[in-house]
Amino acid sequence: MKLFGILTAATIAVASIFPASAATLTVYSPQGDQRAIWIKERAKAAGHDITILNAGGGELFDRLMAEKNNPQADVVLGMVDTSMALMKKAALFQAYSPVWATELPAGYNDVDGMVHKFWQTPIVLGYYPDTLGELTPPKSWLDLTKDQYKGKYVIGSTAAQTTRIYLAGMLARFLDENGDVTPAGWDFMTKLYNNAIVVNDGDALLQAYKSKEATITLNWLGGALKQSQDLGLPIKIIDTEGGTPFISEGVAIVAGTKHLVEAKAFIDWFGSKEVMAAYAEKFGQVPALPAALARSPAKVQELAKIVKPQPINWDAIAPKLDAWLQRIELDIR
């Protein structure tokens, strides 16, 4: 009995010095290699052991849907509104409200408490003053169908995330009471394409601006700024009437995870103001959390003020978007 007591006490003492290792979380994320490495290293330093499966958003979406009945991921991180809304609708997530969620602005918290968004990426309308000539820049996305803008902007492939988002943002202005696009909306979309230079790849898109044929750009903010640098042309971003569509990356816990405690702790850490501010400093991304934005570099804070967001109900639009894009491909493009 005495020996048993000694061994038990020793076991407890060892356990207190060397606690049991936390489970390794599997995180599915489309974040690029450098960003994924940064997240993993920061997480490890904070005591979160994670493995990141890094792939394109479409590939991860298909994989998560296929694994629904046998989930392999614990957390989904960094996929955009439309994908997160569709996966939520398919019951791939379980509810959890991280400690930072109550501080998020309206629109960044999921009403069902499953998806919480931490970065904001506006899809902007901009122009190059040096090649605009005597044209007056558009004030709204809806102005693009005016005759004076014919051949002055480019629409890319509908497979591209940016194209999908700005087309959705425009069609969202033409919805009936059932959430379907009105005839006026499809008339607008036909005129939009008739006025555009339509391309299938990034090289053709860039060439349209290099030739100075196109001068109005439809792009995500970081892409617009990079394109401006590549062209060697200053750019003006338009704070459009009716607002600008925003892509917001979200995080959610996969339903059926065997590591719920660790998943909650990781999300609490990841979305904190300290981590989001550090990410903003490293990569120039604009955090959604006001406290993180306040800690971010001045340049990032300025980017957050460029445009006003367009209110879009992604939960309602996401299930319809593929059908809308298919109609564009078959009947309009």
C-alpha atoms as a PDB file:
ATOM      1  CA  MET A   1       0.000   0.000   0.000  1.00  0.00           C
ATOM      2  CA  LYS A   2       2.836   2.358   0.843  1.00  0.00           C
ATOM      3  CA  LEU A   3       4.564   1.575  -2.461  1.00  0.00           C
ATOM      4  CA  PHE A   4       1.306   2.282  -4.362  1.00  0.00           C
ATOM      5  CA  GLY A   5       0.991   5.610  -2.577  1.00  0.00           C
ATOM      6  CA  ILE A   6       4.562   6.558  -3.433  1.00  0.00           C
ATOM      7  CA  LEU A   7       4.107   5.639  -7.102  1.00  0.00           C
ATOM      8  CA  THR A   8       0.851   7.543  -7.346  1.00  0.00           C
ATOM      9  CA  ALA A   9       2.380  10.636  -5.801  1.00  0.00           C
ATOM     10  CA  ALA A  10       5.346  10.381  -8.145  1.00  0.00           C
ATOM     11  CA  THR A  11       3.063  10.004 -11.138  1.00  0.00           C
ATOM     12  CA  ILE A  12       1.104  13.105 -10.129  1.00  0.00           C
ATOM     13  CA  ALA A  13       4.329  15.054  -9.627  1.00  0.00           C
ATOM     14  CA  VAL A  14       5.653  14.083 -13.065  1.00  0.00           C
ATOM     15  CA  ALA A  15       2.309  14.937 -14.684  1.00  0.00           C
ATOM     16  CA  SER A  16       2.363  18.375 -13.104  1.00  0.00           C
ATOM     17  CA  ILE A  17       5.857  19.047 -14.479  1.00  0.00           C
ATOM     18  CA  PHE A  18       5.190  17.530 -17.896  1.00  0.00           C
ATOM     19  CA  PRO A  19       1.490  18.044 -18.767  1.00  0.00           C
ATOM     20  CA  ALA A  20      -0.066  15.825 -21.388  1.00  0.00           C
ATOM     21  CA  SER A  21       0.530  17.128 -24.897  1.00  0.00           C
ATOM     22  CA  ALA A  22      -2.425  18.941 -26.444  1.00  0.00           C
ATOM     23  CA  ALA A  23      -3.882  17.374 -29.550  1.00  0.00           C
ATOM     24  CA  THR A  24      -2.608  18.519 -32.925  1.00  0.00           C
ATOM     25  CA  LEU A  25      -5.308  20.461 -34.750  1.00  0.00           C
ATOM     26  CA  THR A  26      -5.809  20.014 -38.472  1.00  0.00           C
ATOM     27  CA  VAL A  27      -6.598  23.361 -40.065  1.00  0.00           C
ATOM     28  CA  TYR A  28      -7.802  23.621 -43.663  1.00  0.00           C
ATOM     29  CA  SER A  29      -6.849  26.994 -45.112  1.00  0.00           C
ATOM     30  CA  PRO A  30      -6.318  28.582 -48.545  1.00  0.00           C
ATOM     31  CA  GLN A  31      -3.833  31.079 -47.114  1.00  0.00           C
ATOM     32  CA  GLY A  32      -0.663  31.213 -49.227  1.00  0.00           C
ATOM     33  CA  ASP A  33       2.468  29.364 -48.168  1.00  0.00           C
ATOM     34  CA  GLN A  34       4.142  32.306 -46.407  1.00  0.00           C
ATOM     35  CA  ARG A  35       0.977  33.218 -44.546  1.00  0.00           C
ATOM     36  CA  ALA A  36       0.350  29.610 -43.539  1.00  0.00           C
ATOM     37  CA  ILE A  37       3.915  29.315 -42.250  1.00  0.00           C
ATOM     38  CA  TRP A  38       3.539  32.544 -40.268  1.00  0.00           C
ATOM     39  CA  ILE A  39       0.276  31.371 -38.692  1.00  0.00           C
ATOM     40  CA  LYS A  40       1.709  27.957 -37.778  1.00  0.00           C
ATOM     41  CA  GLU A  41       4.874  29.402 -36.236  1.00  0.00           C
ATOM     42  CA  ARG A  42       2.943  32.004 -34.237  1.00  0.00           C
ATOM     43  CA  ALA A  43       0.460  29.383 -33.071  1.00  0.00           C
ATOM     44  CA  LYS A  44       3.252  27.049 -31.929  1.00  0.00           C
ATOM     45  CA  ALA A  45       4.910  29.840 -29.957  1.00  0.00           C
ATOM     46  CA  ALA A  46       1.562  30.461 -28.245  1.00  0.00           C
ATOM     47  CA  GLY A  47       1.135  26.787 -27.360  1.00  0.00           C
ATOM     48  CA  HIS A  48      -1.184  25.702 -30.178  1.00  0.00           C
ATOM     49  CA  ASP A  49      -0.018  22.664 -32.115  1.00  0.00           C
ATOM     50  CA  ILE A  50      -1.532  22.864 -35.610  1.00  0.00           C
ATOM     51  CA  THR A  51      -1.068  21.287 -39.011  1.00  0.00           C
ATOM     52  CA  ILE A  52      -2.266  23.391 -41.935  1.00  0.00           C
ATOM     53  CA  LEU A  53      -3.562  21.762 -45.086  1.00  0.00           C
ATOM     54  CA  ASN A  54      -2.932  24.540 -47.597  1.00  0.00           C
ATOM     55  CA  ALA A  55      -4.737  24.447 -50.967  1.00  0.00           C
ATOM     56  CA  GLY A  56      -6.951  26.551 -53.192  1.00  0.00           C
ATOM     57  CA  GLY A  57     -10.325  27.615 -51.844  1.00  0.00           C
ATOM     58  CA  GLY A  58     -12.250  25.579 -54.424  1.00  0.00           C
ATOM     59  CA  GLU A  59     -10.219  22.437 -53.758  1.00  0.00           C
ATOM     60  CA  LEU A  60     -10.670  22.755 -50.000  1.00  0.00           C
ATOM     61  CA  PHE A  61     -14.392  23.401 -50.401  1.00  0.00           C
ATOM     62  CA  ASP A  62     -14.825  20.209 -52.450  1.00  0.00           C
ATOM     63  CA  ARG A  63     -12.734  18.228 -49.983  1.00  0.00           C
ATOM     64  CA  LEU A  64     -14.671  19.456 -46.953  1.00  0.00           C
ATOM     65  CA  MET A  65     -17.984  18.654 -48.616  1.00  0.00           C
ATOM     66  CA  ALA A  66     -16.735  15.160 -49.516  1.00  0.00           C
ATOM     67  CA  GLU A  67     -15.535  14.581 -45.936  1.00  0.00           C
ATOM     68  CA  LYS A  68     -18.785  15.697 -44.335  1.00  0.00           C
ATOM     69  CA  ASN A  69     -19.580  12.262 -42.877  1.00  0.00           C
ATOM     70  CA  ASN A  70     -15.978  11.568 -41.912  1.00  0.00           C
ATOM     71  CA  PRO A  71     -14.408  14.941 -41.098  1.00  0.00           C
ATOM     72  CA  GLN A  72     -10.635  15.160 -41.238  1.00  0.00           C
ATOM     73  CA  ALA A  73     -10.323  18.851 -40.383  1.00  0.00           C
ATOM     74  CA  ASP A  74     -10.883  20.470 -37.010  1.00  0.00           C
ATOM     75  CA  VAL A  75     -10.941  24.104 -38.123  1.00  0.00           C
ATOM     76  CA  VAL A  76     -11.581  25.917 -41.410  1.00  0.00           C
ATOM     77  CA  LEU A  77      -9.713  29.223 -41.630  1.00  0.00           C
ATOM     78  CA  GLY A  78      -9.556  31.932 -44.264  1.00  0.00           C
ATOM     79  CA  MET A  79     -12.204  30.862 -46.764  1.00  0.00           C
ATOM     80  CA  VAL A  80     -14.477  33.582 -48.120  1.00  0.00           C
ATOM     81  CA  ASP A  81     -18.107  34.478 -47.424  1.00  0.00           C
ATOM     82  CA  THR A  82     -19.716  32.478 -50.210  1.00  0.00           C
ATOM     83  CA  SER A  83     -17.845  29.248 -49.451  1.00  0.00           C
ATOM     84  CA  MET A  84     -18.377  29.550 -45.703  1.00  0.00           C
ATOM     85  CA  ALA A  85     -22.091  30.245 -46.199  1.00  0.00           C
ATOM     86  CA  LEU A  86     -22.524  27.150 -48.387  1.00  0.00           C
ATOM     87  CA  MET A  87     -20.631  24.920 -45.962  1.00  0.00           C
ATOM     88  CA  LYS A  88     -22.692  26.241 -43.076  1.00  0.00           C
ATOM     89  CA  LYS A  89     -25.860  25.489 -45.037  1.00  0.00           C
ATOM     90  CA  ALA A  90     -24.559  21.931 -45.549  1.00  0.00           C
ATOM     91  CA  ALA A  91     -24.180  21.570 -41.732  1.00  0.00           C
ATOM     92  CA  LEU A  92     -20.396  21.256 -41.850  1.00  0.00           C
ATOM     93  CA  PHE A  93     -19.847  23.610 -38.900  1.00  0.00           C
ATOM     94  CA  GLN A  94     -20.773  23.762 -35.257  1.00  0.00           C
ATOM     95  CA  ALA A  95     -21.538  26.876 -33.265  1.00  0.00           C
ATOM     96  CA  TYR A  96     -18.879  28.636 -31.250  1.00  0.00           C
ATOM     97  CA  SER A  97     -18.572  32.332 -30.410  1.00  0.00           C
ATOM     98  CA  PRO A  98     -14.899  33.225 -29.808  1.00  0.00           C
ATOM     99  CA  VAL A  99     -14.039  35.715 -27.084  1.00  0.00           C
ATOM    100  CA  TRP A 100     -13.366  38.472 -29.641  1.00  0.00           C
ATOM    101  CA  ALA A 101     -16.618  38.007 -31.581  1.00  0.00           C
ATOM    102  CA  THR A 102     -18.667  40.476 -29.530  1.00  0.00           C
ATOM    103  CA  GLU A 103     -16.319  43.285 -30.597  1.00  0.00           C
ATOM    104  CA  LEU A 104     -16.793  42.700 -34.336  1.00  0.00           C
ATOM    105  CA  PRO A 105     -18.783  45.243 -36.379  1.00  0.00           C
ATOM    106  CA  ALA A 106     -22.173  44.278 -37.795  1.00  0.00           C
ATOM    107  CA  GLY A 107     -21.867  41.915 -40.739  1.00  0.00           C
ATOM    108  CA  TYR A 108     -18.751  40.134 -39.535  1.00  0.00           C
ATOM    109  CA  ASN A 109     -20.569  37.902 -37.043  1.00  0.00           C
ATOM    110  CA  ASP A 110     -22.640  35.012 -38.301  1.00  0.00           C
ATOM    111  CA  VAL A 111     -26.212  35.204 -36.963  1.00  0.00           C
ATOM    112  CA  ASP A 112     -26.060  31.457 -36.259  1.00  0.00           C
ATOM    113  CA  GLY A 113     -22.840  31.748 -34.259  1.00  0.00           C
ATOM    114  CA  MET A 114     -20.852  29.438 -36.539  1.00  0.00           C
ATOM    115  CA  VAL A 115     -18.706  31.634 -38.805  1.00  0.00           C
ATOM    116  CA  HIS A 116     -16.829  34.691 -37.579  1.00  0.00           C
ATOM    117  CA  LYS A 117     -14.920  36.930 -39.972  1.00  0.00           C
ATOM    118  CA  PHE A 118     -11.614  38.518 -39.149  1.00  0.00           C
ATOM    119  CA  TRP A 119     -10.174  40.202 -42.283  1.00  0.00           C
ATOM    120  CA  GLN A 120     -11.810  42.531 -44.771  1.00  0.00           C
ATOM    121  CA  THR A 121     -10.963  42.768 -48.440  1.00  0.00           C
ATOM    122  CA  PRO A 122     -12.887  45.267 -50.588  1.00  0.00           C
ATOM    123  CA  ILE A 123     -13.488  44.485 -54.258  1.00  0.00           C
ATOM    124  CA  VAL A 124     -12.964  47.941 -55.682  1.00  0.00           C
ATOM    125  CA  LEU A 125     -13.743  50.058 -58.704  1.00  0.00           C
ATOM    126  CA  GLY A 126     -10.791  52.241 -59.651  1.00  0.00           C
ATOM    127  CA  TYR A 127      -9.263  54.105 -62.582  1.00  0.00           C
ATOM    128  CA  TYR A 128      -5.949  55.350 -63.940  1.00  0.00           C
ATOM    129  CA  PRO A 129      -6.030  59.172 -64.209  1.00  0.00           C
ATOM    130  CA  ASP A 130      -3.111  59.185 -66.692  1.00  0.00           C
ATOM    131  CA  THR A 131      -5.070  57.141 -69.248  1.00  0.00           C
ATOM    132  CA  LEU A 132      -8.613  58.311 -68.473  1.00  0.00           C
ATOM    133  CA  GLY A 133      -8.364  61.251 -70.872  1.00  0.00           C
ATOM    134  CA  GLU A 134     -11.447  63.464 -70.886  1.00  0.00           C
ATOM    135  CA  LEU A 135     -13.677  60.784 -69.399  1.00  0.00           C
ATOM    136  CA  THR A 136     -15.371  61.481 -66.081  1.00  0.00           C
ATOM    137  CA  PRO A 137     -14.821  58.489 -63.801  1.00  0.00           C
ATOM    138  CA  PRO A 138     -17.884  56.445 -62.831  1.00  0.00           C
ATOM    139  CA  LYS A 139     -19.520  57.144 -59.470  1.00  0.00           C
ATOM    140  CA  SER A 140     -21.215  53.764 -59.169  1.00  0.00           C
ATOM    141  CA  TRP A 141     -20.743  50.190 -60.366  1.00  0.00           C
ATOM    142  CA  LEU A 142     -24.027  50.679 -62.208  1.00  0.00           C
ATOM    143  CA  ASP A 143     -22.517  53.501 -64.276  1.00  0.00           C
ATOM    144  CA  LEU A 144     -20.383  51.006 -66.200  1.00  0.00           C
ATOM    145  CA  THR A 145     -23.208  50.311 -68.649  1.00  0.00           C
ATOM    146  CA  LYS A 146     -23.136  53.923 -69.879  1.00  0.00           C
ATOM    147  CA  ASP A 147     -21.967  54.402 -73.472  1.00  0.00           C
ATOM    148  CA  GLN A 148     -18.881  56.456 -72.542  1.00  0.00           C
ATOM    149  CA  TYR A 149     -17.347  53.499 -70.698  1.00  0.00           C
ATOM    150  CA  LYS A 150     -17.559  51.028 -73.575  1.00  0.00           C
ATOM    151  CA  GLY A 151     -14.230  49.254 -73.947  1.00  0.00           C
ATOM    152  CA  LYS A 152     -12.772  51.059 -70.936  1.00  0.00           C
ATOM    153  CA  TYR A 153     -12.927  48.206 -68.392  1.00  0.00           C
ATOM    154  CA  VAL A 154     -12.177  44.490 -68.330  1.00  0.00           C
ATOM    155  CA  ILE A 155     -14.209  41.552 -66.992  1.00  0.00           C
ATOM    156  CA  GLY A 156     -12.202  38.439 -66.204  1.00  0.00           C
ATOM    157  CA  SER A 157     -13.107  34.771 -65.986  1.00  0.00           C
ATOM    158  CA  THR A 158     -16.121  33.855 -63.849  1.00  0.00           C
ATOM    159  CA  ALA A 159     -13.935  31.145 -62.308  1.00  0.00           C
ATOM    160  CA  ALA A 160     -11.924  33.898 -60.601  1.00  0.00           C
ATOM    161  CA  GLN A 161     -13.021  34.726 -57.064  1.00  0.00           C
ATOM    162  CA  THR A 162     -12.751  38.487 -57.601  1.00  0.00           C
ATOM    163  CA  THR A 163     -14.939  38.392 -60.723  1.00  0.00           C
ATOM    164  CA  ARG A 164     -17.533  36.275 -58.961  1.00  0.00           C
ATOM    165  CA  ILE A 165     -17.734  38.705 -56.060  1.00  0.00           C
ATOM    166  CA  TYR A 166     -18.134  41.919 -58.042  1.00  0.00           C
ATOM    167  CA  LEU A 167     -20.726  40.311 -60.339  1.00  0.00           C
ATOM    168  CA  ALA A 168     -22.607  39.123 -57.248  1.00  0.00           C
ATOM    169  CA  GLY A 169     -22.384  42.621 -55.779  1.00  0.00           C
ATOM    170  CA  MET A 170     -23.967  44.124 -58.873  1.00  0.00           C
ATOM    171  CA  LEU A 171     -26.703  41.498 -59.199  1.00  0.00           C
ATOM    172  CA  ALA A 172     -27.493  41.925 -55.474  1.00  0.00           C
ATOM    173  CA  ARG A 173     -28.924  45.342 -56.384  1.00  0.00           C
ATOM    174  CA  PHE A 174     -31.574  43.717 -58.583  1.00  0.00           C
ATOM    175  CA  LEU A 175     -33.287  41.162 -56.350  1.00  0.00           C
ATOM    176  CA  ASP A 176     -37.006  40.533 -55.983  1.00  0.00           C
ATOM    177  CA  GLU A 177     -38.799  39.566 -52.777  1.00  0.00           C
ATOM    178  CA  ASN A 178     -37.732  35.921 -53.286  1.00  0.00           C
ATOM    179  CA  GLY A 179     -34.066  36.838 -53.649  1.00  0.00           C
ATOM    180  CA  ASP A 180     -34.009  36.140 -57.385  1.00  0.00           C
ATOM    181  CA  VAL A 181     -32.513  38.461 -59.997  1.00  0.00           C
ATOM    182  CA  THR A 182     -35.127  40.597 -61.726  1.00  0.00           C
ATOM    183  CA  PRO A 183     -35.368  41.001 -65.541  1.00  0.00           C
ATOM    184  CA  ALA A 184     -33.910  44.479 -65.060  1.00  0.00           C
ATOM    185  CA  GLY A 185     -30.894  42.844 -63.411  1.00  0.00           C
ATOM    186  CA  TRP A 186     -30.278  40.524 -66.349  1.00  0.00           C
ATOM    187  CA  ASP A 187     -30.702  43.436 -68.785  1.00  0.00           C
ATOM    188  CA  PHE A 188     -28.076  45.314 -66.797  1.00  0.00           C
ATOM    189  CA  MET A 189     -25.719  42.328 -66.854  1.00  0.00           C
ATOM    190  CA  THR A 190     -26.088  41.995 -70.648  1.00  0.00           C
ATOM    191  CA  LYS A 191     -25.209  45.678 -71.105  1.00  0.00           C
ATOM    192  CA  LEU A 192     -22.294  45.330 -68.661  1.00  0.00           C
ATOM    193  CA  TYR A 193     -20.750  42.559 -70.763  1.00  0.00           C
ATOM    194  CA  ASN A 194     -21.505  44.284 -74.052  1.00  0.00           C
ATOM    195  CA  ASN A 195     -19.575  47.319 -72.807  1.00  0.00           C
ATOM    196  CA  ALA A 196     -16.624  45.316 -71.435  1.00  0.00           C
ATOM    197  CA  ILE A 197     -13.403  43.853 -72.756  1.00  0.00           C
ATOM    198  CA  VAL A 198     -13.967  40.219 -71.769  1.00  0.00           C
ATOM    199  CA  VAL A 199     -10.889  38.052 -71.131  1.00  0.00           C
ATOM    200  CA  ASN A 200     -10.183  34.562 -69.839  1.00  0.00           C
ATOM    201  CA  ASP A 201      -6.864  34.969 -68.028  1.00  0.00           C
ATOM    202  CA  GLY A 202      -4.727  37.387 -66.067  1.00  0.00           C
ATOM    203  CA  ASP A 203      -2.217  37.999 -68.849  1.00  0.00           C
ATOM    204  CA  ALA A 204      -4.911  39.158 -71.266  1.00  0.00           C
ATOM    205  CA  LEU A 205      -6.421  41.322 -68.555  1.00  0.00           C
ATOM    206  CA  LEU A 206      -3.127  43.059 -67.803  1.00  0.00           C
ATOM    207  CA  GLN A 207      -2.419  43.551 -71.511  1.00  0.00           C
ATOM    208  CA  ALA A 208      -5.668  45.502 -71.931  1.00  0.00           C
ATOM    209  CA  TYR A 209      -4.345  48.049 -69.425  1.00  0.00           C
ATOM    210  CA  LYS A 210      -0.787  48.016 -70.787  1.00  0.00           C
ATOM    211  CA  SER A 211      -2.164  48.941 -74.202  1.00  0.00           C
ATOM    212  CA  LYS A 212      -4.024  51.813 -72.490  1.00  0.00           C
ATOM    213  CA  GLU A 213      -7.229  50.652 -74.118  1.00  0.00           C
ATOM    214  CA  ALA A 214      -8.750  49.980 -70.698  1.00  0.00           C
ATOM    215  CA  THR A 215      -8.495  52.538 -67.911  1.00  0.00           C
ATOM    216  CA  ILE A 216     -11.142  51.485 -65.345  1.00  0.00           C
ATOM    217  CA  THR A 217     -10.283  48.497 -63.159  1.00  0.00           C
ATOM    218  CA  LEU A 218     -12.491  46.054 -61.247  1.00  0.00           C
ATOM    219  CA  ASN A 219     -10.280  44.264 -58.739  1.00  0.00           C
ATOM    220  CA  TRP A 220      -9.682  43.393 -55.111  1.00  0.00           C
ATOM    221  CA  LEU A 221      -7.902  46.237 -53.333  1.00  0.00           C
ATOM    222  CA  GLY A 222      -4.510  44.562 -52.977  1.00  0.00           C
ATOM    223  CA  GLY A 223      -4.681  43.366 -56.587  1.00  0.00           C
ATOM    224  CA  ALA A 224      -5.579  46.861 -57.811  1.00  0.00           C
ATOM    225  CA  LEU A 225      -2.635  48.395 -55.960  1.00  0.00           C
ATOM    226  CA  LYS A 226      -0.250  45.731 -57.290  1.00  0.00           C
ATOM    227  CA  GLN A 227      -1.565  46.172 -60.836  1.00  0.00           C
ATOM    228  CA  SER A 228      -0.946  49.900 -60.495  1.00  0.00           C
ATOM    229  CA  GLN A 229       2.675  49.171 -59.551  1.00  0.00           C
ATOM    230  CA  ASP A 230       3.097  46.686 -62.402  1.00  0.00           C
ATOM    231  CA  LEU A 231       1.792  49.231 -64.893  1.00  0.00           C
ATOM    232  CA  GLY A 232       3.731  52.122 -63.410  1.00  0.00           C
ATOM    233  CA  LEU A 233       0.515  54.151 -63.296  1.00  0.00           C
ATOM    234  CA  PRO A 234      -1.061  55.920 -60.303  1.00  0.00           C
ATOM    235  CA  ILE A 235      -4.527  54.671 -59.427  1.00  0.00           C
ATOM    236  CA  LYS A 236      -7.586  56.272 -57.877  1.00  0.00           C
ATOM    237  CA  ILE A 237     -10.013  54.089 -55.918  1.00  0.00           C
ATOM    238  CA  ILE A 238     -13.663  55.165 -56.102  1.00  0.00           C
ATOM    239  CA  ASP A 239     -15.825  55.226 -52.983  1.00  0.00           C
ATOM    240  CA  THR A 240     -18.853  54.200 -54.998  1.00  0.00           C
ATOM    241  CA  GLU A 241     -22.488  55.159 -54.521  1.00  0.00           C
ATOM    242  CA  GLY A 242     -24.247  52.149 -53.023  1.00  0.00           C
ATOM    243  CA  GLY A 243     -21.042  50.812 -51.521  1.00  0.00           C
ATOM    244  CA  THR A 244     -18.316  48.330 -52.420  1.00  0.00           C
ATOM    245  CA  PRO A 245     -18.579  44.525 -52.084  1.00  0.00           C
ATOM    246  CA  PHE A 246     -16.276  43.144 -49.418  1.00  0.00           C
ATOM    247  CA  ILE A 247     -14.819  39.672 -49.201  1.00  0.00           C
ATOM    248  CA  SER A 248     -14.383  38.649 -45.585  1.00  0.00           C
ATOM    249  CA  GLU A 249     -12.388  35.599 -44.590  1.00  0.00           C
ATOM    250  CA  GLY A 250     -13.917  33.551 -41.796  1.00  0.00           C
ATOM    251  CA  VAL A 251     -13.064  30.875 -39.272  1.00  0.00           C
ATOM    252  CA  ALA A 252     -15.260  28.034 -38.027  1.00  0.00           C
ATOM    253  CA  ILE A 253     -15.048  24.757 -36.126  1.00  0.00           C
ATOM    254  CA  VAL A 254     -15.844  21.638 -38.127  1.00  0.00           C
ATOM    255  CA  ALA A 255     -18.803  19.637 -36.840  1.00  0.00           C
ATOM    256  CA  GLY A 256     -17.607  16.317 -35.465  1.00  0.00           C
ATOM    257  CA  THR A 257     -14.125  17.435 -34.451  1.00  0.00           C
ATOM    258  CA  LYS A 258     -12.573  15.277 -31.758  1.00  0.00           C
ATOM    259  CA  HIS A 259     -10.563  18.239 -30.477  1.00  0.00           C
ATOM    260  CA  LEU A 260     -13.227  20.770 -29.607  1.00  0.00           C
ATOM    261  CA  VAL A 261     -11.440  22.272 -26.592  1.00  0.00           C
ATOM    262  CA  GLU A 262      -8.238  22.840 -28.558  1.00  0.00           C
ATOM    263  CA  ALA A 263     -10.168  24.204 -31.551  1.00  0.00           C
ATOM    264  CA  LYS A 264     -11.935  26.780 -29.385  1.00  0.00           C
ATOM    265  CA  ALA A 265      -8.673  27.831 -27.751  1.00  0.00           C
ATOM    266  CA  PHE A 266      -6.952  28.199 -31.128  1.00  0.00           C
ATOM    267  CA  ILE A 267      -9.739  30.386 -32.557  1.00  0.00           C
ATOM    268  CA  ASP A 268      -9.794  32.531 -29.410  1.00  0.00           C
ATOM    269  CA  TRP A 269      -6.067  33.106 -29.879  1.00  0.00           C
ATOM    270  CA  PHE A 270      -6.062  33.543 -33.642  1.00  0.00           C
ATOM    271  CA  GLY A 271      -8.707  36.270 -33.830  1.00  0.00           C
ATOM    272  CA  SER A 272      -7.351  38.262 -30.896  1.00  0.00           C
ATOM    273  CA  LYS A 273      -6.344  41.880 -31.379  1.00  0.00           C
ATOM    274  CA  GLU A 274      -2.682  41.039 -30.777  1.00  0.00           C
ATOM    275  CA  VAL A 275      -2.498  38.376 -33.489  1.00  0.00           C
ATOM    276  CA  MET A 276      -4.624  40.305 -35.979  1.00  0.00           C
ATOM    277  CA  ALA A 277      -2.520  43.457 -35.525  1.00  0.00           C
ATOM    278  CA  ALA A 278       0.691  41.459 -35.986  1.00  0.00           C
ATOM    279  CA  TYR A 279      -0.743  39.907 -39.150  1.00  0.00           C
ATOM    280  CA  ALA A 280      -1.702  43.363 -40.445  1.00  0.00           C
ATOM    281  CA  GLU A 281       1.840  44.582 -39.871  1.00  0.00           C
ATOM    282  CA  LYS A 282       3.349  41.576 -41.632  1.00  0.00           C
ATOM    283  CA  PHE A 283       1.044  41.293 -44.646  1.00  0.00           C
ATOM    284  CA  GLY A 284      -0.838  44.593 -44.896  1.00  0.00           C
ATOM    285  CA  GLN A 285      -4.240  42.930 -44.437  1.00  0.00           C
ATOM    286  CA  VAL A 286      -7.018  45.021 -42.887  1.00  0.00           C
ATOM    287  CA  PRO A 287      -8.433  43.364 -39.743  1.00  0.00           C
ATOM    288  CA  ALA A 288     -12.156  43.497 -39.052  1.00  0.00           C
ATOM    289  CA  LEU A 289     -11.668  43.774 -35.284  1.00  0.00           C
ATOM    290  CA  PRO A 290     -11.604  47.499 -34.353  1.00  0.00           C
ATOM    291  CA  ALA A 291      -9.101  46.960 -31.530  1.00  0.00           C
ATOM    292  CA  ALA A 292      -6.743  45.175 -33.934  1.00  0.00           C
ATOM    293  CA  LEU A 293      -7.149  47.881 -36.572  1.00  0.00           C
ATOM    294  CA  ALA A 294      -6.259  50.523 -33.974  1.00  0.00           C
ATOM    295  CA  ARG A 295      -2.962  48.664 -33.348  1.00  0.00           C
ATOM    296  CA  SER A 296      -2.206  48.246 -37.062  1.00  0.00           C
ATOM    297  CA  PRO A 297       0.271  50.320 -39.094  1.00  0.00           C
ATOM    298  CA  ALA A 298      -0.964  53.715 -40.294  1.00  0.00           C
ATOM    299  CA  LYS A 299      -0.997  52.527 -43.916  1.00  0.00           C
ATOM    300  CA  VAL A 300      -3.365  49.677 -43.055  1.00  0.00           C
ATOM    301  CA  GLN A 301      -5.623  52.054 -41.125  1.00  0.00           C
ATOM    302  CA  GLU A 302      -5.779  54.324 -44.173  1.00  0.00           C
ATOM    303  CA  LEU A 303      -6.729  51.397 -46.430  1.00  0.00           C
ATOM    304  CA  ALA A 304      -9.659  50.668 -44.124  1.00  0.00           C
ATOM    305  CA  LYS A 305     -11.093  54.136 -44.828  1.00  0.00           C
ATOM    306  CA  ILE A 306     -10.933  54.120 -48.630  1.00  0.00           C
ATOM    307  CA  VAL A 307     -14.407  52.732 -49.364  1.00  0.00           C
ATOM    308  CA  LYS A 308     -17.718  52.035 -47.645  1.00  0.00           C
ATOM    309  CA  PRO A 309     -18.975  48.428 -47.683  1.00  0.00           C
ATOM    310  CA  GLN A 310     -22.035  47.360 -49.660  1.00  0.00           C
ATOM    311  CA  PRO A 311     -24.502  45.475 -47.450  1.00  0.00           C
ATOM    312  CA  ILE A 312     -24.790  41.948 -48.878  1.00  0.00           C
ATOM    313  CA  ASN A 313     -26.520  38.950 -47.305  1.00  0.00           C
ATOM    314  CA  TRP A 314     -24.071  36.249 -48.340  1.00  0.00           C
ATOM    315  CA  ASP A 315     -26.069  33.506 -46.643  1.00  0.00           C
ATOM    316  CA  ALA A 316     -28.931  34.291 -49.034  1.00  0.00           C
ATOM    317  CA  ILE A 317     -26.827  34.891 -52.153  1.00  0.00           C
ATOM    318  CA  ALA A 318     -24.275  32.061 -51.882  1.00  0.00           C
ATOM    319  CA  PRO A 319     -26.707  29.215 -52.757  1.00  0.00           C
ATOM    320  CA  LYS A 320     -27.844  31.096 -55.878  1.00  0.00           C
ATOM    321  CA  LEU A 321     -24.520  32.402 -57.161  1.00  0.00           C
ATOM    322  CA  ASP A 322     -23.442  29.356 -59.205  1.00  0.00           C
ATOM    323  CA  ALA A 323     -26.745  29.398 -61.098  1.00  0.00           C
ATOM    324  CA  TRP A 324     -26.360  33.122 -61.784  1.00  0.00           C
ATOM    325  CA  LEU A 325     -22.832  32.636 -63.086  1.00  0.00           C
ATOM    326  CA  GLN A 326     -23.923  29.711 -65.235  1.00  0.00           C
ATOM    327  CA  ARG A 327     -26.583  31.911 -66.836  1.00  0.00           C
ATOM    328  CA  ILE A 328     -23.946  34.565 -67.501  1.00  0.00           C
ATOM    329  CA  GLU A 329     -21.690  31.971 -69.151  1.00  0.00           C
ATOM    330  CA  LEU A 330     -24.441  30.440 -71.268  1.00  0.00           C
ATOM    331  CA  ASP A 331     -26.558  33.430 -72.222  1.00  0.00           C
ATOM    332  CA  ILE A 332     -24.502  36.616 -71.803  1.00  0.00           C
ATOM    333  CA  ARG A 333     -20.726  36.222 -71.854  1.00  0.00           C
END
